[in-house]
Protein backbone atom coordinates (compact mmCIF):
# COMPACT_ATOMS: atom_id res chain seq x y z
CA MET A 1 -11.93 -39.42 48.04
CA ILE A 2 -11.11 -42.48 45.93
CA ILE A 3 -13.65 -41.39 43.29
CA GLY A 4 -12.14 -37.89 43.18
CA GLY A 5 -8.66 -39.34 42.68
CA ALA A 6 -9.91 -41.58 39.89
CA LEU A 7 -11.57 -38.63 38.14
CA LEU A 8 -8.38 -36.60 38.38
CA LEU A 9 -6.34 -39.47 36.97
CA GLY A 10 -8.82 -39.91 34.13
CA ALA A 11 -8.73 -36.20 33.30
CA THR A 12 -4.92 -36.23 33.32
CA ILE A 13 -4.82 -39.21 30.99
CA ALA A 14 -7.34 -37.53 28.66
CA VAL A 15 -5.26 -34.33 28.54
CA LEU A 16 -2.06 -36.25 27.88
CA GLY A 17 -3.80 -38.27 25.19
CA GLY A 18 -5.05 -35.10 23.52
CA CYS A 19 -1.56 -33.61 23.59
CA LEU A 20 -0.14 -36.78 22.06
CA LEU A 21 -2.72 -36.71 19.27
CA LEU A 22 -1.93 -33.06 18.59
CA ILE A 23 1.81 -33.80 18.39
CA LEU A 24 1.15 -36.70 16.03
CA ALA A 25 -1.03 -34.47 13.84
CA VAL A 26 1.68 -31.78 13.64
CA VAL A 27 4.30 -34.40 12.77
CA ALA A 28 2.03 -35.84 10.07
CA VAL A 29 1.39 -32.43 8.53
CA ARG A 30 5.09 -31.59 8.47
CA ALA A 31 5.95 -34.99 7.01
CA ARG A 32 3.33 -34.57 4.30
CA ARG A 33 4.58 -31.07 3.52
CA HIS A 34 8.18 -32.32 3.34
CA SER A 35 7.13 -35.16 1.08
CA ARG A 36 5.27 -32.77 -1.22
CA THR A 37 8.27 -30.45 -1.38
CA GLN A 38 10.57 -33.32 -2.31
CA ARG A 39 8.11 -34.47 -4.96
CA ASP A 40 7.88 -30.96 -6.42
CA GLN A 41 11.66 -30.62 -6.53
CA MET A 42 11.95 -33.95 -8.30
CA LEU A 43 9.32 -33.01 -10.88
CA LEU A 44 10.88 -29.61 -11.47
CA SER A 45 14.44 -30.91 -11.66
CA PRO A 46 14.54 -31.51 -15.46
CA LEU A 47 13.19 -28.00 -16.08
CA ARG A 48 15.25 -26.11 -13.52
CA GLY A 49 17.99 -25.29 -16.05
CA PRO A 50 15.72 -23.70 -18.67
CA LEU A 51 13.75 -21.94 -15.94
CA ILE A 52 16.91 -20.33 -14.58
CA THR A 53 18.00 -19.41 -18.11
CA VAL A 54 14.73 -17.58 -18.78
CA ALA A 55 14.56 -15.92 -15.36
CA SER A 56 18.13 -14.63 -15.65
CA GLY A 57 17.43 -13.01 -19.02
CA GLU A 58 19.81 -15.26 -20.95
CA ASP A 59 17.25 -16.94 -23.21
CA ASP A 60 18.03 -14.82 -26.25
CA ASP A 61 16.62 -17.21 -28.82
CA GLY A 62 13.60 -18.27 -26.74
CA SER A 63 14.54 -21.95 -26.80
CA ALA A 64 14.53 -22.32 -23.00
CA ALA A 65 11.07 -20.73 -22.74
CA GLU A 66 9.87 -23.03 -25.51
CA GLN A 67 11.14 -26.01 -23.55
CA LEU A 68 9.14 -24.88 -20.51
CA THR A 69 5.94 -24.84 -22.54
CA TRP A 70 6.25 -28.58 -23.12
CA ALA A 71 5.58 -29.46 -19.46
CA THR A 72 2.44 -31.49 -18.84
CA GLY A 73 0.39 -32.91 -16.00
CA VAL A 74 1.54 -32.44 -12.41
CA THR A 75 4.92 -31.17 -13.61
CA ARG A 76 3.19 -28.31 -15.41
CA THR A 77 1.22 -27.44 -12.26
CA VAL A 78 4.40 -27.32 -10.17
CA LEU A 79 6.22 -25.31 -12.84
CA ASP A 80 3.41 -22.77 -13.13
CA ARG A 81 3.40 -22.29 -9.36
CA ASN A 82 7.14 -21.55 -9.44
CA ILE A 83 6.72 -19.17 -12.38
CA VAL A 84 4.07 -17.19 -10.50
CA GLU A 85 6.45 -16.84 -7.56
CA LEU A 86 9.24 -15.66 -9.89
CA LEU A 87 6.96 -13.05 -11.46
CA THR A 88 6.81 -11.22 -8.12
CA LYS A 89 10.51 -10.43 -8.62
CA ILE A 90 11.09 -10.40 -12.39
CA ARG A 91 10.08 -7.78 -14.96
CA GLY A 92 10.98 -6.96 -18.55
CA VAL A 93 11.64 -9.53 -21.25
CA PRO A 94 12.22 -12.47 -18.86
CA GLY A 95 8.90 -11.70 -17.20
CA ASP A 96 7.15 -11.55 -20.56
CA GLN A 97 8.63 -14.91 -21.52
CA LEU A 98 7.44 -16.51 -18.29
CA VAL A 99 3.97 -15.05 -18.76
CA ARG A 100 3.92 -16.52 -22.25
CA VAL A 101 4.63 -19.96 -20.73
CA LEU A 102 1.66 -19.52 -18.39
CA GLU A 103 -0.54 -18.53 -21.32
CA VAL A 104 0.48 -21.59 -23.35
CA HIS A 105 -0.22 -23.79 -20.34
CA GLY A 106 -3.70 -22.27 -20.04
CA ALA A 107 -2.94 -20.98 -16.53
CA VAL A 108 -4.14 -17.46 -17.30
CA GLU A 109 -7.53 -18.55 -18.63
CA ALA A 110 -7.83 -21.04 -15.78
CA ALA A 111 -7.30 -18.14 -13.36
CA VAL A 112 -10.14 -16.24 -15.02
CA ASP A 113 -12.42 -19.20 -14.35
CA ASP A 114 -11.14 -19.47 -10.78
CA LEU A 115 -12.32 -15.92 -10.04
CA GLY A 116 -15.73 -17.55 -9.70
CA HIS A 117 -14.56 -20.53 -7.63
CA ARG A 118 -16.32 -21.25 -4.33
CA SER A 119 -12.98 -21.22 -2.49
CA SER A 120 -11.87 -17.73 -1.49
CA VAL A 121 -8.25 -18.94 -1.50
CA ARG A 122 -8.58 -19.99 -5.14
CA ARG A 123 -10.22 -16.69 -6.05
CA ALA A 124 -7.48 -14.66 -4.34
CA ARG A 125 -4.70 -16.67 -5.99
CA ALA A 126 -6.38 -16.31 -9.35
CA ALA A 127 -6.55 -12.53 -9.01
CA GLN A 128 -2.88 -12.35 -8.04
CA LEU A 129 -1.85 -14.48 -11.04
CA LEU A 130 -3.81 -12.28 -13.43
CA GLY A 131 -2.09 -9.20 -12.04
CA LEU A 132 1.36 -10.71 -12.23
CA ALA A 133 0.62 -11.80 -15.81
CA ARG A 134 -0.47 -8.21 -16.64
CA ALA A 135 -3.62 -9.71 -18.14
CA ASP A 136 -5.26 -6.40 -19.07
CA HIS A 137 -8.18 -8.13 -20.81
CA THR A 138 -9.33 -9.36 -17.38
CA VAL A 139 -9.70 -5.86 -15.86
CA PRO A 140 -13.55 -6.02 -15.93
CA ARG A 141 -13.50 -9.32 -14.03
CA LEU A 142 -11.02 -7.98 -11.49
CA VAL A 143 -13.18 -4.89 -11.00
CA GLN A 144 -16.06 -7.23 -10.15
CA ALA A 145 -13.81 -9.01 -7.65
CA LEU A 146 -13.37 -5.72 -5.76
CA ARG A 147 -16.85 -6.42 -4.33
CA ASP A 148 -16.09 -10.01 -3.31
CA GLU A 149 -17.34 -11.15 0.08
CA SER A 150 -13.78 -12.07 1.09
CA VAL A 151 -11.40 -9.26 2.04
CA GLU A 152 -8.47 -11.38 0.84
CA VAL A 153 -10.01 -11.57 -2.62
CA ARG A 154 -10.77 -7.84 -2.65
CA ASN A 155 -7.17 -7.06 -1.67
CA SER A 156 -5.82 -9.41 -4.33
CA ALA A 157 -8.04 -7.87 -7.00
CA ALA A 158 -6.84 -4.36 -6.11
CA TYR A 159 -3.23 -5.58 -6.09
CA ALA A 160 -3.73 -7.10 -9.54
CA LEU A 161 -5.32 -3.94 -10.93
CA GLY A 162 -2.38 -1.93 -9.61
CA LEU A 163 0.07 -4.24 -11.36
CA ILE A 164 -1.86 -3.99 -14.62
CA GLY A 165 -1.95 -0.20 -14.20
CA ASP A 166 -5.04 0.50 -16.30
CA PRO A 167 -6.36 3.94 -15.22
CA THR A 168 -9.87 3.03 -16.37
CA ALA A 169 -10.12 0.92 -13.20
CA ALA A 170 -9.20 3.82 -10.90
CA GLY A 171 -12.77 4.90 -10.27
CA ALA A 172 -13.80 1.38 -9.30
CA VAL A 173 -10.87 1.02 -6.90
CA LEU A 174 -11.64 4.35 -5.24
CA ASP A 175 -15.36 3.57 -5.01
CA ALA A 176 -14.61 0.19 -3.45
CA ILE A 177 -13.22 1.90 -0.33
CA GLY A 178 -16.66 3.05 0.77
CA VAL A 179 -18.68 -0.11 0.07
CA PRO A 180 -20.67 -0.91 3.27
CA ASP A 181 -19.39 -4.04 5.05
CA ARG A 182 -17.14 -4.91 2.09
CA GLY A 183 -14.98 -1.84 1.85
CA LEU A 184 -11.49 -2.08 0.39
CA PRO A 185 -8.78 -1.10 2.92
CA ALA A 186 -7.59 2.44 2.27
CA ALA A 187 -3.91 1.46 2.15
CA THR A 188 -4.60 -1.28 -0.39
CA ALA A 189 -6.57 1.09 -2.61
CA ALA A 190 -3.89 3.78 -2.40
CA GLY A 191 -1.19 1.29 -3.36
CA ALA A 192 -3.14 0.16 -6.40
CA LEU A 193 -3.97 3.68 -7.53
CA GLN A 194 -0.34 4.77 -7.20
CA SER A 195 0.53 2.51 -10.13
CA MET A 196 -2.08 3.88 -12.53
CA GLY A 197 -0.28 6.99 -13.76
CA VAL A 198 -1.50 10.50 -14.49
CA GLY A 199 -4.77 9.28 -15.94
CA ILE A 200 -6.34 9.12 -12.49
CA SER A 201 -6.21 12.85 -11.69
CA GLU A 202 -9.85 13.50 -12.56
CA VAL A 203 -10.95 10.43 -10.61
CA LEU A 204 -9.14 11.76 -7.56
CA ARG A 205 -10.79 15.16 -7.92
CA GLU A 206 -14.19 13.50 -7.93
CA GLY A 207 -13.15 11.26 -5.03
CA MET A 208 -12.54 14.28 -2.83
CA GLY A 209 -16.29 14.93 -2.98
CA ASP A 210 -17.27 11.38 -2.01
CA ALA A 211 -19.60 10.78 0.92
CA ASN A 212 -17.13 8.34 2.51
CA ALA A 213 -14.38 9.97 4.59
CA ARG A 214 -11.80 7.24 3.84
CA THR A 215 -12.38 7.73 0.12
CA ARG A 216 -11.83 11.48 0.45
CA MET A 217 -8.70 10.87 2.50
CA VAL A 218 -7.16 8.53 -0.10
CA ALA A 219 -8.03 10.92 -2.93
CA ALA A 220 -6.47 13.86 -1.08
CA HIS A 221 -3.36 11.89 -0.13
CA LEU A 222 -2.72 10.69 -3.68
CA SER A 223 -3.32 14.13 -5.14
CA GLY A 224 -0.46 15.40 -3.02
CA GLU A 225 1.76 12.39 -3.66
CA ARG A 226 1.36 12.64 -7.42
CA SER A 227 1.48 16.46 -7.56
CA PHE A 228 -1.92 16.75 -9.25
CA THR A 229 -2.27 20.53 -8.96
CA ARG A 230 -5.70 20.50 -10.63
CA GLY A 231 -7.04 19.16 -7.35
CA LEU A 232 -5.94 22.20 -5.32
CA PRO A 233 -9.43 23.81 -5.16
CA GLU A 234 -10.86 20.57 -3.77
CA LEU A 235 -8.00 20.22 -1.27
CA ARG A 236 -8.58 23.76 0.00
CA ARG A 237 -12.28 23.01 0.41
CA LEU A 238 -11.53 19.84 2.38
CA LEU A 239 -9.12 21.68 4.66
CA ASP A 240 -11.62 24.46 5.32
CA HIS A 241 -14.88 22.56 5.61
CA ASP A 242 -14.56 18.79 5.87
CA THR A 243 -16.22 17.20 8.88
CA ASP A 244 -13.50 14.56 9.31
CA LEU A 245 -10.31 15.67 11.06
CA THR A 246 -8.10 13.09 9.35
CA VAL A 247 -9.31 14.24 5.96
CA ARG A 248 -8.49 17.85 6.86
CA GLU A 249 -4.99 16.88 8.03
CA THR A 250 -4.40 14.89 4.84
CA ALA A 251 -5.53 17.84 2.74
CA ALA A 252 -3.14 20.13 4.61
CA VAL A 253 -0.19 17.82 3.89
CA ALA A 254 -1.15 17.67 0.21
CA ILE A 255 -1.43 21.45 -0.04
CA GLY A 256 2.01 21.78 1.50
CA ARG A 257 3.44 19.57 -1.24
CA LEU A 258 1.82 21.15 -4.28
CA GLY A 259 0.35 24.48 -3.14
CA ARG A 260 1.11 28.00 -4.29
CA GLY A 261 1.98 31.28 -2.62
CA GLU A 262 -1.63 32.05 -1.68
CA ASP A 263 -1.85 28.76 0.19
CA ALA A 264 0.31 30.17 2.97
CA VAL A 265 -2.80 32.07 4.05
CA VAL A 266 -5.03 29.01 3.60
CA LEU A 267 -2.80 26.88 5.81
CA GLY A 268 -2.03 29.70 8.24
CA ARG A 269 -5.61 30.28 9.29
CA HIS A 270 -5.83 26.71 10.54
CA THR A 271 -2.91 27.14 12.93
CA ALA A 272 -5.12 29.24 15.22
CA PRO A 273 -5.47 28.09 18.87
CA GLU A 274 -9.13 27.15 18.43
CA GLU A 275 -8.28 24.54 15.81
CA PRO A 276 -7.55 20.90 16.82
CA LEU A 277 -3.92 20.51 17.85
CA SER A 278 -3.17 17.71 15.36
CA LEU A 279 -4.48 19.90 12.52
CA ARG A 280 -2.43 22.88 13.71
CA ARG A 281 0.71 20.74 13.67
CA ALA A 282 -0.10 19.37 10.21
CA CYS A 283 -0.58 22.89 8.85
CA VAL A 284 2.69 24.13 10.36
CA GLN A 285 4.58 21.26 8.76
CA ALA A 286 2.78 21.97 5.49
CA LEU A 287 3.85 25.62 5.67
CA GLY A 288 7.45 24.49 5.96
CA GLU A 289 6.99 22.17 3.00
CA LEU A 290 5.32 24.94 0.99
CA GLY A 291 8.48 27.05 1.30
CA GLU A 292 6.82 30.45 0.82
CA ASP A 293 8.06 33.57 2.62
CA ALA A 294 4.43 34.56 3.10
CA ALA A 295 4.29 31.95 5.87
CA ILE A 296 6.96 33.69 8.00
CA PRO A 297 4.59 35.99 10.00
CA THR A 298 2.32 33.08 10.93
CA LEU A 299 5.20 30.80 11.88
CA SER A 300 6.85 33.55 13.94
CA THR A 301 3.77 33.96 16.13
CA LEU A 302 3.80 30.23 16.88
CA LEU A 303 7.28 30.24 18.44
CA ASP A 304 5.66 31.10 21.78
CA ASP A 305 2.85 28.56 21.47
CA PRO A 306 2.01 26.65 24.68
CA ASP A 307 2.45 23.38 22.79
CA PRO A 308 6.23 22.76 22.69
CA ARG A 309 6.00 20.42 19.71
CA LEU A 310 4.08 23.00 17.67
CA ALA A 311 6.65 25.67 18.55
CA GLU A 312 9.44 23.30 17.53
CA LEU A 313 7.75 22.59 14.18
CA ALA A 314 7.32 26.31 13.56
CA ALA A 315 11.02 26.91 14.29
CA GLY A 316 12.00 24.08 11.95
CA ALA A 317 9.79 25.49 9.21
CA LEU A 318 11.38 28.92 9.58
CA LEU A 319 14.86 27.44 9.35
CA ALA A 320 13.83 25.69 6.14
CA LEU A 321 12.84 29.06 4.63
CA GLY A 322 16.43 30.29 4.45
CA ALA A 323 17.84 33.62 5.57
CA ASP A 324 14.51 35.42 5.99
CA GLY A 325 13.11 32.58 8.05
CA THR A 326 16.25 32.42 10.19
CA ASP A 327 16.06 36.16 10.82
CA ALA A 328 12.56 35.67 12.21
CA LEU A 329 14.08 33.57 15.01
CA SER A 330 15.87 36.62 16.38
CA GLY A 331 15.17 36.95 20.09
CA HIS A 332 14.24 33.28 20.40
CA GLU A 333 17.73 31.79 20.20
CA ASP A 334 17.53 30.36 23.72
CA ASP A 335 14.03 28.96 23.39
CA PRO A 336 14.02 25.15 23.85
CA ALA A 337 11.93 24.74 20.69
CA VAL A 338 14.42 26.70 18.59
CA ARG A 339 17.42 24.87 20.03
CA THR A 340 15.77 21.52 19.30
CA ALA A 341 14.89 22.59 15.76
CA ARG A 342 18.48 23.71 15.11
CA LEU A 343 19.77 20.40 16.47
CA MET A 344 17.45 18.44 14.18
CA VAL A 345 18.63 20.46 11.16
CA SER A 346 22.27 19.79 12.09
CA LEU A 347 21.62 16.06 12.45
CA GLN A 348 19.85 15.94 9.09
CA LYS A 349 22.76 17.70 7.39
CA ALA A 350 25.25 15.34 9.05
CA SER A 351 23.38 12.25 7.89
CA ALA A 352 22.84 13.55 4.33
């Protein structure tokens, strides 16, 4: 009994000692961080005025930017870190002036070297800096970084390529989605590709034939977002034949945004009861977006669908088609789906 009590006391003391050490470690880390912040503020203090002048766009003669280029040693390191943070918010001439300061300091070329650093944190930061500096000559190196073992580095490389906006990198970004075990997240790739302009249309067309479903989905989504009508044949093929349901739904949405009159039939045939419910709903919404009177017969038959949400979407789509679509609701005025659709339209008009 005495031994058991002694063991319990010892365990309690050990736990309390561990908690005390943890508290001391947290306090030490915070104190060190506070000390570093104070040091950085002190070092940056003499340059804060010119930095604000440049960032606010008031350095008409370039003298403030020139003054920033004179920083050396630790002060230069702290200044460059602040400039990189400012570049996430500043564009135009002030941004160009700040980038020029980074170039004079050698920060851009140092970032190129850091793309090969053993630390993934250093590699990711380097990629971000190169993107913020719009360093288009580093596009080949950033494309290589899309295959980095670290997902943070891959994301940063895609982010940088999006900022640079060079459409020649579009194919590499799209291909990086389907790399086994090192694939680029679809949302990251889509964000980067969005910034690359109309020069990516052919890349997206090819991407809709890729073996990877996520790659096809991104290509279909962006084709609709950017209104690349040349991709319509590929989008119709995906909707009709793709083996992945999400890809088919994405293709339906894209067709609704940029399709033509004949696409009312293409979308309509996939509202049939034997199709997956999520695809049927996507196609009904796409028919409303398409805005073609040819969709009215299909939408009218769906007002009595067993799925209340599908019936509601069909009613909403008919209302969006104007007088002819509204006439098709005759006899269904008291249907819950129609009443809900009318209410939603009224709320949208009130909030517009």
